[in-house]
Amino acid sequence: MKASRTRVLTQEDFDRFASLSRDDNPIHCDPQFARTTHFGATVAHGMFLFSLLCAQMRRSNPRPVLPIGQTLMFPRPTFVGDGVAAVLVLNDTPGQDRIALDTEIRCMQRGRNRTAATDEQITAHGDAILLVDASAETLAQAPLDEADAAGRLAAAVDGDRRLYHLSVGQEASAVRSFSAGDIDEYVALTDDGNAFYTDPVFARSRGFGGAIVPLPLLAGMFSDLLGTRLPGRGTGWMKQSLRLRSPARLGELLTASVRIVRLRGDKDLVNLATIVTGDDGRVVLAGEALVLVRNLEDKRTLAAA
């Protein structure tokens, strides 16, 4: 087991990741709004927590590693003021060029009253696949596990057709590119100074043509859409699966899309297919999301009317 040093999260951390990801969902950025939700205080972005795990992946391996797959569940929120440690446990070595890990965010939570410490809890857990000494060729040849067939979801027959203002088949998308300045801010915030992201000469030596966009920033495009567009502001992330299919270049126009495939009104849950494509139409990142819509602003506004 390899654990990072404990880091105490601040509102500044949340605000900086919101600016970087464009996800200014009020459950992360608006303490007054967050106090009116079942959370009781602002909570961390799921992909910010993922970035802390990626930083620990880099620190824990003497050889260069590239995260290409991750599934994360968020059984409990992670609050401002909580002390967190990223924990990695070796699960398997499917080959000399791949590592499978169990991943956790272990958290000493201060509780909603933000005063007294409580027992350590796990606020995020999942599994990851890393390529060791990765190259563009090994990424292209990396096998897809059955669970990696992301974006394949069809509308579930046992779900609801509508929930609040949401319906099966609704889609949202956003286009953006990432700059070297974005990478600098990502590294400063997360300590994930992976050479694939920060060293163009190294990345070119591995056949990538230059520095590539970190997986948490690519997935942060989903965070933006889910938390601000569909389902909308107030959405809480419960689970996300990710699979990197091809590298994203700095300056490349990327399109992130999310599509509702299932609604569960009894639990206020929404399942979505998630995908990022490059400017040439290739799939860069694909996955599936499960989100909680209990605190949607639109829902709360309608209820108050």
Protein backbone atom coordinates (compact mmCIF):
# COMPACT_ATOMS: atom_id res chain seq x y z
CA MET A 1 0.00 0.00 0.00
CA LYS A 2 1.26 3.49 -0.89
CA ALA A 3 -0.37 6.55 0.66
CA SER A 4 0.30 10.21 0.07
CA ARG A 5 0.80 12.77 2.78
CA THR A 6 -2.42 14.17 4.21
CA ARG A 7 -3.61 17.35 2.53
CA VAL A 8 -6.19 19.63 4.12
CA LEU A 9 -8.60 20.88 1.47
CA THR A 10 -9.53 24.54 1.23
CA GLN A 11 -12.21 26.54 -0.52
CA GLU A 12 -9.42 28.04 -2.62
CA ASP A 13 -8.63 24.51 -3.90
CA PHE A 14 -12.26 24.05 -4.93
CA ASP A 15 -12.42 27.49 -6.57
CA ARG A 16 -9.20 26.92 -8.49
CA PHE A 17 -10.38 23.56 -9.81
CA ALA A 18 -13.72 25.14 -10.72
CA SER A 19 -11.89 27.76 -12.79
CA LEU A 20 -9.69 25.11 -14.40
CA SER A 21 -12.56 22.72 -15.23
CA ARG A 22 -15.21 25.45 -15.75
CA ASP A 23 -17.43 23.54 -13.30
CA ASP A 24 -18.65 26.24 -10.91
CA ASN A 25 -21.47 24.03 -9.58
CA PRO A 26 -22.61 25.79 -6.36
CA ILE A 27 -22.18 22.63 -4.27
CA HIS A 28 -18.43 23.23 -4.79
CA CYS A 29 -18.19 27.00 -4.96
CA ASP A 30 -21.08 28.61 -3.07
CA PRO A 31 -20.92 27.98 0.70
CA GLN A 32 -24.30 29.64 1.25
CA PHE A 33 -26.02 27.42 -1.34
CA ALA A 34 -24.21 24.30 -0.10
CA ARG A 35 -25.43 24.90 3.46
CA THR A 36 -29.03 24.56 2.21
CA THR A 37 -28.36 21.13 0.65
CA HIS A 38 -28.10 17.72 2.29
CA PHE A 39 -24.30 18.19 2.16
CA GLY A 40 -24.36 21.11 4.58
CA ALA A 41 -21.09 22.59 3.25
CA THR A 42 -19.13 22.82 0.01
CA VAL A 43 -17.74 19.54 -1.31
CA ALA A 44 -14.79 18.61 -3.52
CA HIS A 45 -15.07 18.00 -7.25
CA GLY A 46 -14.78 14.30 -8.01
CA MET A 47 -12.13 14.93 -10.66
CA PHE A 48 -10.09 17.04 -8.25
CA LEU A 49 -9.94 13.99 -5.97
CA PHE A 50 -9.03 11.88 -9.00
CA SER A 51 -6.16 14.26 -9.77
CA LEU A 52 -4.76 13.67 -6.27
CA LEU A 53 -4.83 9.94 -6.98
CA CYS A 54 -3.01 10.52 -10.29
CA ALA A 55 -0.35 12.56 -8.48
CA GLN A 56 0.23 9.64 -6.13
CA MET A 57 0.45 7.24 -9.10
CA ARG A 58 3.28 9.37 -10.48
CA ARG A 59 5.09 9.65 -7.14
CA SER A 60 4.80 5.93 -6.38
CA ASN A 61 6.40 4.61 -9.57
CA PRO A 62 10.07 5.00 -10.48
CA ARG A 63 9.23 4.48 -14.17
CA PRO A 64 6.98 6.82 -16.17
CA VAL A 65 3.31 5.81 -15.94
CA LEU A 66 0.27 7.01 -17.85
CA PRO A 67 -3.19 6.53 -16.30
CA ILE A 68 -5.55 5.26 -19.02
CA GLY A 69 -8.49 3.86 -17.06
CA GLN A 70 -10.23 4.69 -13.81
CA THR A 71 -13.50 3.87 -12.11
CA LEU A 72 -14.36 5.98 -9.07
CA MET A 73 -17.28 5.84 -6.70
CA PHE A 74 -18.02 8.61 -4.21
CA PRO A 75 -19.87 7.01 -1.26
CA ARG A 76 -19.44 10.10 0.93
CA PRO A 77 -18.76 13.76 0.21
CA THR A 78 -15.37 15.32 0.88
CA PHE A 79 -15.73 18.72 2.55
CA VAL A 80 -13.70 21.90 2.85
CA GLY A 81 -11.35 21.47 5.82
CA ASP A 82 -11.12 17.69 5.49
CA GLY A 83 -7.69 16.08 5.51
CA VAL A 84 -7.29 13.61 2.63
CA ALA A 85 -4.71 11.04 1.60
CA ALA A 86 -4.55 9.27 -1.76
CA VAL A 87 -4.02 5.53 -1.26
CA LEU A 88 -2.94 3.01 -3.91
CA VAL A 89 -2.90 -0.77 -3.51
CA LEU A 90 -1.42 -3.03 -6.19
CA ASN A 91 -4.18 -5.20 -7.58
CA ASP A 92 -2.51 -6.99 -10.48
CA THR A 93 0.17 -6.71 -13.14
CA PRO A 94 -1.63 -7.80 -16.35
CA GLY A 95 1.67 -7.47 -18.22
CA GLN A 96 5.05 -5.81 -17.96
CA ASP A 97 3.63 -2.66 -19.49
CA ARG A 98 0.45 -2.42 -17.36
CA ILE A 99 -0.41 -2.04 -13.66
CA ALA A 100 -3.83 -2.47 -12.06
CA LEU A 101 -4.48 -0.61 -8.82
CA ASP A 102 -7.16 -0.27 -6.20
CA THR A 103 -7.52 3.43 -5.40
CA GLU A 104 -8.95 5.27 -2.39
CA ILE A 105 -9.28 8.73 -0.95
CA ARG A 106 -9.06 8.33 2.81
CA CYS A 107 -10.41 11.29 4.66
CA MET A 108 -10.31 12.60 8.21
CA GLN A 109 -13.59 14.49 8.11
CA ARG A 110 -14.34 17.45 10.33
CA GLY A 111 -18.10 17.05 10.00
CA ARG A 112 -20.72 19.55 8.95
CA ASN A 113 -20.20 21.76 11.97
CA ARG A 114 -16.57 22.15 10.75
CA THR A 115 -15.17 22.01 14.29
CA ALA A 116 -14.59 18.52 15.70
CA ALA A 117 -12.64 15.83 13.85
CA THR A 118 -14.27 12.47 13.22
CA ASP A 119 -12.95 9.01 12.39
CA GLU A 120 -11.21 8.33 9.08
CA GLN A 121 -13.58 7.49 6.23
CA ILE A 122 -13.24 6.49 2.59
CA THR A 123 -14.84 9.18 0.44
CA ALA A 124 -13.78 7.84 -2.97
CA HIS A 125 -12.71 4.39 -4.11
CA GLY A 126 -12.26 2.47 -7.32
CA ASP A 127 -9.66 0.92 -9.58
CA ALA A 128 -7.15 2.19 -12.11
CA ILE A 129 -5.14 0.93 -15.07
CA LEU A 130 -1.72 2.47 -15.79
CA LEU A 131 0.59 2.00 -18.75
CA VAL A 132 4.24 1.71 -17.68
CA ASP A 133 6.79 3.37 -19.99
CA ALA A 134 3.84 4.22 -22.21
CA SER A 135 4.09 5.18 -25.85
CA ALA A 136 1.56 6.23 -28.44
CA GLU A 137 1.79 2.71 -29.85
CA THR A 138 1.13 0.92 -26.55
CA LEU A 139 -1.83 3.22 -25.84
CA ALA A 140 -3.31 2.43 -29.27
CA GLN A 141 -2.78 -1.30 -28.67
CA ALA A 142 -4.04 -1.39 -25.06
CA PRO A 143 -6.89 -3.92 -24.87
CA LEU A 144 -10.36 -2.81 -23.86
CA ASP A 145 -11.83 -4.80 -21.00
CA GLU A 146 -15.54 -5.58 -21.17
CA ALA A 147 -16.13 -2.95 -18.48
CA ASP A 148 -14.28 -0.43 -20.68
CA ALA A 149 -16.92 -0.49 -23.42
CA ALA A 150 -17.92 2.97 -22.28
CA GLY A 151 -20.52 5.01 -24.07
CA ARG A 152 -22.37 1.84 -25.10
CA LEU A 153 -25.31 2.33 -22.74
CA ALA A 154 -28.81 2.18 -24.13
CA ALA A 155 -31.89 3.52 -22.39
CA ALA A 156 -32.78 1.16 -19.53
CA VAL A 157 -36.27 -0.30 -19.82
CA ASP A 158 -36.77 -0.28 -16.05
CA GLY A 159 -36.11 3.44 -15.70
CA ASP A 160 -38.40 6.45 -15.84
CA ARG A 161 -38.91 8.46 -19.02
CA ARG A 162 -38.90 11.80 -17.19
CA LEU A 163 -37.59 13.20 -13.91
CA TYR A 164 -38.11 16.88 -13.10
CA HIS A 165 -37.10 18.68 -16.31
CA LEU A 166 -34.96 15.72 -17.46
CA SER A 167 -35.78 13.04 -20.04
CA VAL A 168 -34.02 10.01 -21.50
CA GLY A 169 -32.04 10.94 -24.59
CA GLN A 170 -31.28 14.53 -23.57
CA GLU A 171 -27.76 15.58 -24.53
CA ALA A 172 -25.38 18.43 -23.82
CA SER A 173 -21.94 19.20 -25.21
CA ALA A 174 -19.14 21.71 -24.85
CA VAL A 175 -16.02 22.53 -26.85
CA ARG A 176 -12.71 23.70 -25.45
CA SER A 177 -8.97 23.33 -25.76
CA PHE A 178 -6.24 23.17 -23.12
CA SER A 179 -3.14 25.36 -23.05
CA ALA A 180 0.29 25.03 -21.47
CA GLY A 181 -0.97 27.53 -18.88
CA ASP A 182 -3.82 25.17 -17.97
CA ILE A 183 -1.28 22.37 -17.43
CA ASP A 184 0.87 24.64 -15.26
CA GLU A 185 -2.14 25.47 -13.06
CA TYR A 186 -3.15 21.79 -12.92
CA VAL A 187 0.33 20.78 -11.72
CA ALA A 188 0.50 23.62 -9.18
CA LEU A 189 -2.89 22.68 -7.75
CA THR A 190 -2.57 18.88 -7.73
CA ASP A 191 1.21 18.11 -7.74
CA ASP A 192 0.60 15.74 -10.66
CA GLY A 193 3.75 16.73 -12.56
CA ASN A 194 3.63 13.74 -14.90
CA ALA A 195 6.23 14.10 -17.67
CA PHE A 196 3.68 13.08 -20.31
CA TYR A 197 1.85 16.33 -19.46
CA THR A 198 4.72 18.65 -18.60
CA ASP A 199 7.70 17.70 -20.80
CA PRO A 200 7.08 18.02 -24.57
CA VAL A 201 10.50 16.57 -25.41
CA PHE A 202 9.83 13.48 -23.29
CA ALA A 203 6.33 13.07 -24.72
CA ARG A 204 7.65 13.33 -28.29
CA SER A 205 10.23 10.66 -27.49
CA ARG A 206 7.28 8.36 -26.73
CA GLY A 207 5.59 9.09 -30.03
CA PHE A 208 2.94 11.52 -28.79
CA GLY A 209 4.01 14.52 -30.82
CA GLY A 210 4.12 16.73 -27.72
CA ALA A 211 2.72 17.08 -24.23
CA ILE A 212 -0.76 15.58 -23.79
CA VAL A 213 -3.75 16.63 -21.68
CA PRO A 214 -4.05 14.97 -18.23
CA LEU A 215 -6.87 12.46 -17.81
CA PRO A 216 -8.47 14.40 -14.89
CA LEU A 217 -8.66 17.55 -17.03
CA LEU A 218 -10.30 15.65 -19.88
CA ALA A 219 -12.78 14.14 -17.42
CA GLY A 220 -13.24 17.60 -15.94
CA MET A 221 -15.09 18.46 -19.16
CA PHE A 222 -17.76 16.00 -17.99
CA SER A 223 -17.72 17.68 -14.58
CA ASP A 224 -18.47 20.98 -16.30
CA LEU A 225 -21.38 19.58 -18.29
CA LEU A 226 -22.90 17.52 -15.49
CA GLY A 227 -22.56 20.23 -12.87
CA THR A 228 -23.68 23.23 -14.91
CA ARG A 229 -25.70 22.01 -17.93
CA LEU A 230 -27.13 18.47 -17.76
CA PRO A 231 -28.53 17.56 -15.30
CA GLY A 232 -27.46 21.04 -14.10
CA ARG A 233 -26.29 23.11 -11.16
CA GLY A 234 -26.56 21.22 -7.88
CA THR A 235 -25.78 17.81 -9.42
CA GLY A 236 -23.69 15.48 -7.24
CA TRP A 237 -21.32 12.93 -8.82
CA MET A 238 -21.79 9.37 -7.50
CA LYS A 239 -19.71 7.29 -9.92
CA GLN A 240 -17.65 7.76 -13.07
CA SER A 241 -15.84 5.29 -15.31
CA LEU A 242 -13.17 6.55 -17.70
CA ARG A 243 -11.12 4.99 -20.49
CA LEU A 244 -8.51 6.93 -22.45
CA ARG A 245 -8.66 5.86 -26.10
CA SER A 246 -6.23 8.31 -27.70
CA PRO A 247 -4.10 11.26 -26.54
CA ALA A 248 -5.44 14.82 -26.60
CA ARG A 249 -2.98 17.43 -27.78
CA LEU A 250 -2.52 20.87 -26.25
CA GLY A 251 -4.42 23.43 -28.31
CA GLU A 252 -6.65 20.81 -29.92
CA LEU A 253 -10.38 21.57 -30.02
CA LEU A 254 -12.09 18.86 -27.96
CA THR A 255 -15.81 18.17 -27.74
CA ALA A 256 -17.26 16.62 -24.57
CA SER A 257 -20.79 15.20 -24.69
CA VAL A 258 -23.09 13.66 -22.10
CA ARG A 259 -26.36 11.84 -22.82
CA ILE A 260 -29.03 10.69 -20.36
CA VAL A 261 -29.65 6.97 -20.70
CA ARG A 262 -31.59 6.20 -17.51
CA LEU A 263 -33.64 8.07 -14.90
CA ARG A 264 -34.53 6.69 -11.46
CA GLY A 265 -37.03 8.96 -9.80
CA ASP A 266 -37.30 6.88 -6.63
CA LYS A 267 -33.63 7.61 -5.82
CA ASP A 268 -33.08 10.91 -7.68
CA LEU A 269 -30.40 9.21 -9.81
CA VAL A 270 -29.43 9.75 -13.45
CA ASN A 271 -27.16 7.57 -15.62
CA LEU A 272 -25.35 9.18 -18.54
CA ALA A 273 -23.04 8.09 -21.35
CA THR A 274 -19.99 10.38 -21.53
CA ILE A 275 -17.50 10.90 -24.38
CA VAL A 276 -14.76 13.31 -25.51
CA THR A 277 -13.83 13.47 -29.19
CA GLY A 278 -10.92 15.16 -30.91
CA ASP A 279 -10.99 17.71 -33.70
CA ASP A 280 -10.70 14.88 -36.25
CA GLY A 281 -13.66 12.98 -34.77
CA ARG A 282 -11.64 10.26 -33.04
CA VAL A 283 -12.69 9.09 -29.57
CA VAL A 284 -10.32 10.48 -26.95
CA LEU A 285 -12.09 9.51 -23.72
CA ALA A 286 -15.25 7.50 -23.06
CA GLY A 287 -17.12 6.48 -19.95
CA GLU A 288 -20.30 6.37 -17.96
CA ALA A 289 -21.58 8.59 -15.15
CA LEU A 290 -24.03 8.17 -12.29
CA VAL A 291 -25.20 11.39 -10.64
CA LEU A 292 -27.54 12.48 -7.86
CA VAL A 293 -30.04 15.23 -8.71
CA ARG A 294 -31.53 15.78 -5.25
CA ASN A 295 -30.17 19.35 -5.02
CA LEU A 296 -30.80 20.66 -8.54
CA GLU A 297 -31.32 24.42 -8.63
CA ASP A 298 -34.06 24.08 -11.25
CA LYS A 299 -35.92 21.54 -9.13
CA ARG A 300 -35.63 23.69 -6.00
CA THR A 301 -36.83 26.79 -7.88
CA LEU A 302 -39.91 24.96 -9.18
CA ALA A 303 -40.70 23.59 -5.72
CA ALA A 304 -40.53 27.07 -4.21
CA ALA A 305 -42.78 28.61 -6.87
